[in-house]
Amino acid sequence: MSKLIRIKYYESPIEANRDKQILLENGIESFIANEQTIQSDWLLYQAIGGLQLQVFEEDVEKAKEILQNFEENEEVALEVEHTIENPEYDFTCPKCGSNHIYQYEKPDGIFGVSWLLLGFPVKVPSSKYICYYCGNEFKH
């Protein structure tokens, strides 16, 4: 009988399930240890060793190779798929060239002062933008 071997640890169940799906698509059965326990009580995360992706002993090397290939190719996939047809802004992220960006909208001092003095908030648009793909923060 084959033994289950831990090949990777995760902080997020989303990442663990993504990798489980990648392995399944490549014909490797895998399991996420501790997922149900952690979902029911997140405080147990450290005590039980976190989320663990496990595969059968004979699939360990192939599974590691598949996941490594995915991680290496993930950046290339993002570069190809980072454009949208009708972007809200006519400029792109200076770091990755994506047009998937949004304007930073945290209320600042003017918001609070206007609320006190005028009785209603005055929102001043920020010149700071954030890229959805690479997380880069930049001004335009």
C-alpha atoms as a PDB file:
ATOM      1  CA  MET A   1       0.000   0.000   0.000  1.00  0.00           C
ATOM      2  CA  SER A   2       1.318   3.439  -0.959  1.00  0.00           C
ATOM      3  CA  LYS A   3       2.119   6.041   1.611  1.00  0.00           C
ATOM      4  CA  LEU A   4       1.031   9.702   1.389  1.00  0.00           C
ATOM      5  CA  ILE A   5       3.925  12.170   1.321  1.00  0.00           C
ATOM      6  CA  ARG A   6       3.696  15.904   2.015  1.00  0.00           C
ATOM      7  CA  ILE A   7       5.154  17.866  -0.885  1.00  0.00           C
ATOM      8  CA  LYS A   8       4.096  21.432  -0.112  1.00  0.00           C
ATOM      9  CA  TYR A   9       2.732  23.643   2.682  1.00  0.00           C
ATOM     10  CA  TYR A  10       0.216  26.473   2.228  1.00  0.00           C
ATOM     11  CA  GLU A  11      -1.162  29.442   4.087  1.00  0.00           C
ATOM     12  CA  SER A  12      -4.188  29.762   1.823  1.00  0.00           C
ATOM     13  CA  PRO A  13      -6.740  27.068   0.939  1.00  0.00           C
ATOM     14  CA  ILE A  14      -7.170  28.756  -2.448  1.00  0.00           C
ATOM     15  CA  GLU A  15      -3.529  28.127  -3.378  1.00  0.00           C
ATOM     16  CA  ALA A  16      -3.686  24.569  -2.080  1.00  0.00           C
ATOM     17  CA  ASN A  17      -6.802  23.784  -4.113  1.00  0.00           C
ATOM     18  CA  ARG A  18      -5.300  25.416  -7.209  1.00  0.00           C
ATOM     19  CA  ASP A  19      -2.268  23.119  -7.010  1.00  0.00           C
ATOM     20  CA  LYS A  20      -4.493  20.119  -6.288  1.00  0.00           C
ATOM     21  CA  GLN A  21      -6.454  20.900  -9.472  1.00  0.00           C
ATOM     22  CA  ILE A  22      -3.244  21.297 -11.503  1.00  0.00           C
ATOM     23  CA  LEU A  23      -2.076  17.870 -10.361  1.00  0.00           C
ATOM     24  CA  LEU A  24      -5.479  16.314 -11.098  1.00  0.00           C
ATOM     25  CA  GLU A  25      -5.399  17.735 -14.630  1.00  0.00           C
ATOM     26  CA  ASN A  26      -2.038  15.989 -15.057  1.00  0.00           C
ATOM     27  CA  GLY A  27      -3.326  12.638 -13.801  1.00  0.00           C
ATOM     28  CA  ILE A  28      -1.985  12.782 -10.246  1.00  0.00           C
ATOM     29  CA  GLU A  29      -4.310  12.271  -7.324  1.00  0.00           C
ATOM     30  CA  SER A  30      -3.547  14.519  -4.370  1.00  0.00           C
ATOM     31  CA  PHE A  31      -5.023  15.398  -1.005  1.00  0.00           C
ATOM     32  CA  ILE A  32      -5.056  18.501   1.182  1.00  0.00           C
ATOM     33  CA  ALA A  33      -4.393  17.538   4.762  1.00  0.00           C
ATOM     34  CA  ASN A  34      -5.953  19.552   7.596  1.00  0.00           C
ATOM     35  CA  GLU A  35      -8.186  21.643   5.315  1.00  0.00           C
ATOM     36  CA  GLN A  36     -11.466  20.900   7.108  1.00  0.00           C
ATOM     37  CA  THR A  37      -9.963  21.293  10.559  1.00  0.00           C
ATOM     38  CA  ILE A  38      -8.394  24.652   9.731  1.00  0.00           C
ATOM     39  CA  GLN A  39     -11.585  25.914   8.083  1.00  0.00           C
ATOM     40  CA  SER A  40     -13.531  25.096  11.231  1.00  0.00           C
ATOM     41  CA  ASP A  41     -10.960  26.684  13.578  1.00  0.00           C
ATOM     42  CA  TRP A  42      -8.229  28.836  12.031  1.00  0.00           C
ATOM     43  CA  LEU A  43      -6.421  29.106  15.379  1.00  0.00           C
ATOM     44  CA  LEU A  44      -5.329  25.485  14.992  1.00  0.00           C
ATOM     45  CA  TYR A  45      -3.340  26.316  11.836  1.00  0.00           C
ATOM     46  CA  GLN A  46       0.082  26.392  13.531  1.00  0.00           C
ATOM     47  CA  ALA A  47      -0.635  23.582  15.968  1.00  0.00           C
ATOM     48  CA  ILE A  48      -1.435  20.968  13.300  1.00  0.00           C
ATOM     49  CA  GLY A  49       1.172  22.003  10.757  1.00  0.00           C
ATOM     50  CA  GLY A  50      -0.900  24.107   8.360  1.00  0.00           C
ATOM     51  CA  LEU A  51      -2.380  23.057   5.048  1.00  0.00           C
ATOM     52  CA  GLN A  52      -0.377  20.296   3.411  1.00  0.00           C
ATOM     53  CA  LEU A  53      -0.578  18.982  -0.136  1.00  0.00           C
ATOM     54  CA  GLN A  54       0.000  15.232  -0.159  1.00  0.00           C
ATOM     55  CA  VAL A  55       0.531  12.765  -2.999  1.00  0.00           C
ATOM     56  CA  PHE A  56       1.225   9.048  -3.129  1.00  0.00           C
ATOM     57  CA  GLU A  57       4.865   8.074  -2.698  1.00  0.00           C
ATOM     58  CA  GLU A  58       5.308   6.965  -6.328  1.00  0.00           C
ATOM     59  CA  ASP A  59       4.032  10.345  -7.651  1.00  0.00           C
ATOM     60  CA  VAL A  60       6.220  12.661  -5.541  1.00  0.00           C
ATOM     61  CA  GLU A  61       8.855  13.538  -8.154  1.00  0.00           C
ATOM     62  CA  LYS A  62       6.378  13.961 -11.003  1.00  0.00           C
ATOM     63  CA  ALA A  63       4.079  16.130  -8.845  1.00  0.00           C
ATOM     64  CA  LYS A  64       6.949  18.406  -7.773  1.00  0.00           C
ATOM     65  CA  GLU A  65       8.022  18.782 -11.396  1.00  0.00           C
ATOM     66  CA  ILE A  66       4.480  19.659 -12.553  1.00  0.00           C
ATOM     67  CA  LEU A  67       4.060  22.303  -9.850  1.00  0.00           C
ATOM     68  CA  GLN A  68       7.523  23.760 -10.550  1.00  0.00           C
ATOM     69  CA  ASN A  69       6.706  24.031 -14.269  1.00  0.00           C
ATOM     70  CA  PHE A  70       3.418  25.760 -13.452  1.00  0.00           C
ATOM     71  CA  GLU A  71       5.120  28.344 -11.227  1.00  0.00           C
ATOM     72  CA  GLU A  72       7.765  29.054 -13.870  1.00  0.00           C
ATOM     73  CA  ASN A  73       5.137  29.525 -16.592  1.00  0.00           C
ATOM     74  CA  GLU A  74       2.660  31.499 -14.474  1.00  0.00           C
ATOM     75  CA  GLU A  75       4.490  34.811 -15.053  1.00  0.00           C
ATOM     76  CA  VAL A  76       4.438  34.255 -18.814  1.00  0.00           C
ATOM     77  CA  ALA A  77       0.686  33.559 -18.718  1.00  0.00           C
ATOM     78  CA  LEU A  78       0.044  36.800 -16.843  1.00  0.00           C
ATOM     79  CA  GLU A  79       2.023  38.778 -19.410  1.00  0.00           C
ATOM     80  CA  VAL A  80      -0.142  37.380 -22.203  1.00  0.00           C
ATOM     81  CA  GLU A  81      -3.509  37.866 -20.498  1.00  0.00           C
ATOM     82  CA  HIS A  82      -3.104  41.274 -18.890  1.00  0.00           C
ATOM     83  CA  THR A  83      -5.031  43.449 -21.332  1.00  0.00           C
ATOM     84  CA  ILE A  84      -8.699  44.361 -21.285  1.00  0.00           C
ATOM     85  CA  GLU A  85     -10.660  45.673 -24.267  1.00  0.00           C
ATOM     86  CA  ASN A  86     -12.000  48.924 -22.833  1.00  0.00           C
ATOM     87  CA  PRO A  87      -9.748  50.000 -19.961  1.00  0.00           C
ATOM     88  CA  GLU A  88     -10.934  52.757 -17.654  1.00  0.00           C
ATOM     89  CA  TYR A  89      -7.553  54.528 -17.878  1.00  0.00           C
ATOM     90  CA  ASP A  90      -5.512  55.229 -21.014  1.00  0.00           C
ATOM     91  CA  PHE A  91      -2.154  54.330 -19.428  1.00  0.00           C
ATOM     92  CA  THR A  92      -0.557  51.119 -18.188  1.00  0.00           C
ATOM     93  CA  CYS A  93       1.445  49.893 -15.215  1.00  0.00           C
ATOM     94  CA  PRO A  94       5.086  50.975 -15.634  1.00  0.00           C
ATOM     95  CA  LYS A  95       6.324  47.705 -14.102  1.00  0.00           C
ATOM     96  CA  CYS A  96       4.425  45.009 -16.053  1.00  0.00           C
ATOM     97  CA  GLY A  97       2.581  46.941 -18.785  1.00  0.00           C
ATOM     98  CA  SER A  98      -0.864  45.743 -17.677  1.00  0.00           C
ATOM     99  CA  ASN A  99      -3.879  47.981 -18.147  1.00  0.00           C
ATOM    100  CA  HIS A 100      -5.669  46.255 -15.255  1.00  0.00           C
ATOM    101  CA  ILE A 101      -5.195  49.123 -12.816  1.00  0.00           C
ATOM    102  CA  TYR A 102      -7.340  50.914 -10.304  1.00  0.00           C
ATOM    103  CA  GLN A 103      -7.164  54.249  -8.537  1.00  0.00           C
ATOM    104  CA  TYR A 104      -6.232  54.267  -4.861  1.00  0.00           C
ATOM    105  CA  GLU A 105      -9.244  55.648  -2.974  1.00  0.00           C
ATOM    106  CA  LYS A 106      -8.331  55.890   0.688  1.00  0.00           C
ATOM    107  CA  PRO A 107      -9.898  58.949   2.319  1.00  0.00           C
ATOM    108  CA  ASP A 108      -7.233  61.402   3.412  1.00  0.00           C
ATOM    109  CA  GLY A 109      -7.120  64.525   5.584  1.00  0.00           C
ATOM    110  CA  ILE A 110      -9.211  66.685   3.232  1.00  0.00           C
ATOM    111  CA  PHE A 111     -12.042  64.152   3.446  1.00  0.00           C
ATOM    112  CA  GLY A 112     -12.191  64.371   7.252  1.00  0.00           C
ATOM    113  CA  VAL A 113     -11.681  68.144   7.504  1.00  0.00           C
ATOM    114  CA  SER A 114     -14.376  68.849   4.902  1.00  0.00           C
ATOM    115  CA  TRP A 115     -16.773  66.615   6.810  1.00  0.00           C
ATOM    116  CA  LEU A 116     -16.205  68.641   9.981  1.00  0.00           C
ATOM    117  CA  LEU A 117     -16.256  72.106   8.409  1.00  0.00           C
ATOM    118  CA  LEU A 118     -18.854  71.699   5.651  1.00  0.00           C
ATOM    119  CA  GLY A 119     -20.990  68.887   7.030  1.00  0.00           C
ATOM    120  CA  PHE A 120     -20.355  66.679   3.996  1.00  0.00           C
ATOM    121  CA  PRO A 121     -17.246  64.950   2.703  1.00  0.00           C
ATOM    122  CA  VAL A 122     -15.242  66.313  -0.213  1.00  0.00           C
ATOM    123  CA  LYS A 123     -13.366  63.548  -1.954  1.00  0.00           C
ATOM    124  CA  VAL A 124     -10.214  64.570  -3.799  1.00  0.00           C
ATOM    125  CA  PRO A 125      -9.136  62.021  -6.432  1.00  0.00           C
ATOM    126  CA  SER A 126      -5.799  60.432  -5.732  1.00  0.00           C
ATOM    127  CA  SER A 127      -3.000  60.339  -8.278  1.00  0.00           C
ATOM    128  CA  LYS A 128      -1.922  56.949  -6.925  1.00  0.00           C
ATOM    129  CA  TYR A 129      -2.773  53.785  -8.878  1.00  0.00           C
ATOM    130  CA  ILE A 130      -2.352  50.085  -8.153  1.00  0.00           C
ATOM    131  CA  CYS A 131      -1.894  47.261 -10.680  1.00  0.00           C
ATOM    132  CA  TYR A 132      -4.121  44.192 -10.197  1.00  0.00           C
ATOM    133  CA  TYR A 133      -1.501  41.861 -11.688  1.00  0.00           C
ATOM    134  CA  CYS A 134       1.804  42.767 -10.115  1.00  0.00           C
ATOM    135  CA  GLY A 135       0.605  44.879  -7.161  1.00  0.00           C
ATOM    136  CA  ASN A 136       2.812  47.783  -8.213  1.00  0.00           C
ATOM    137  CA  GLU A 137       1.813  51.150  -6.709  1.00  0.00           C
ATOM    138  CA  PHE A 138       2.588  54.152  -8.878  1.00  0.00           C
ATOM    139  CA  LYS A 139       1.564  57.769  -9.499  1.00  0.00           C
ATOM    140  CA  HIS A 140       0.316  59.118 -12.784  1.00  0.00           C
END
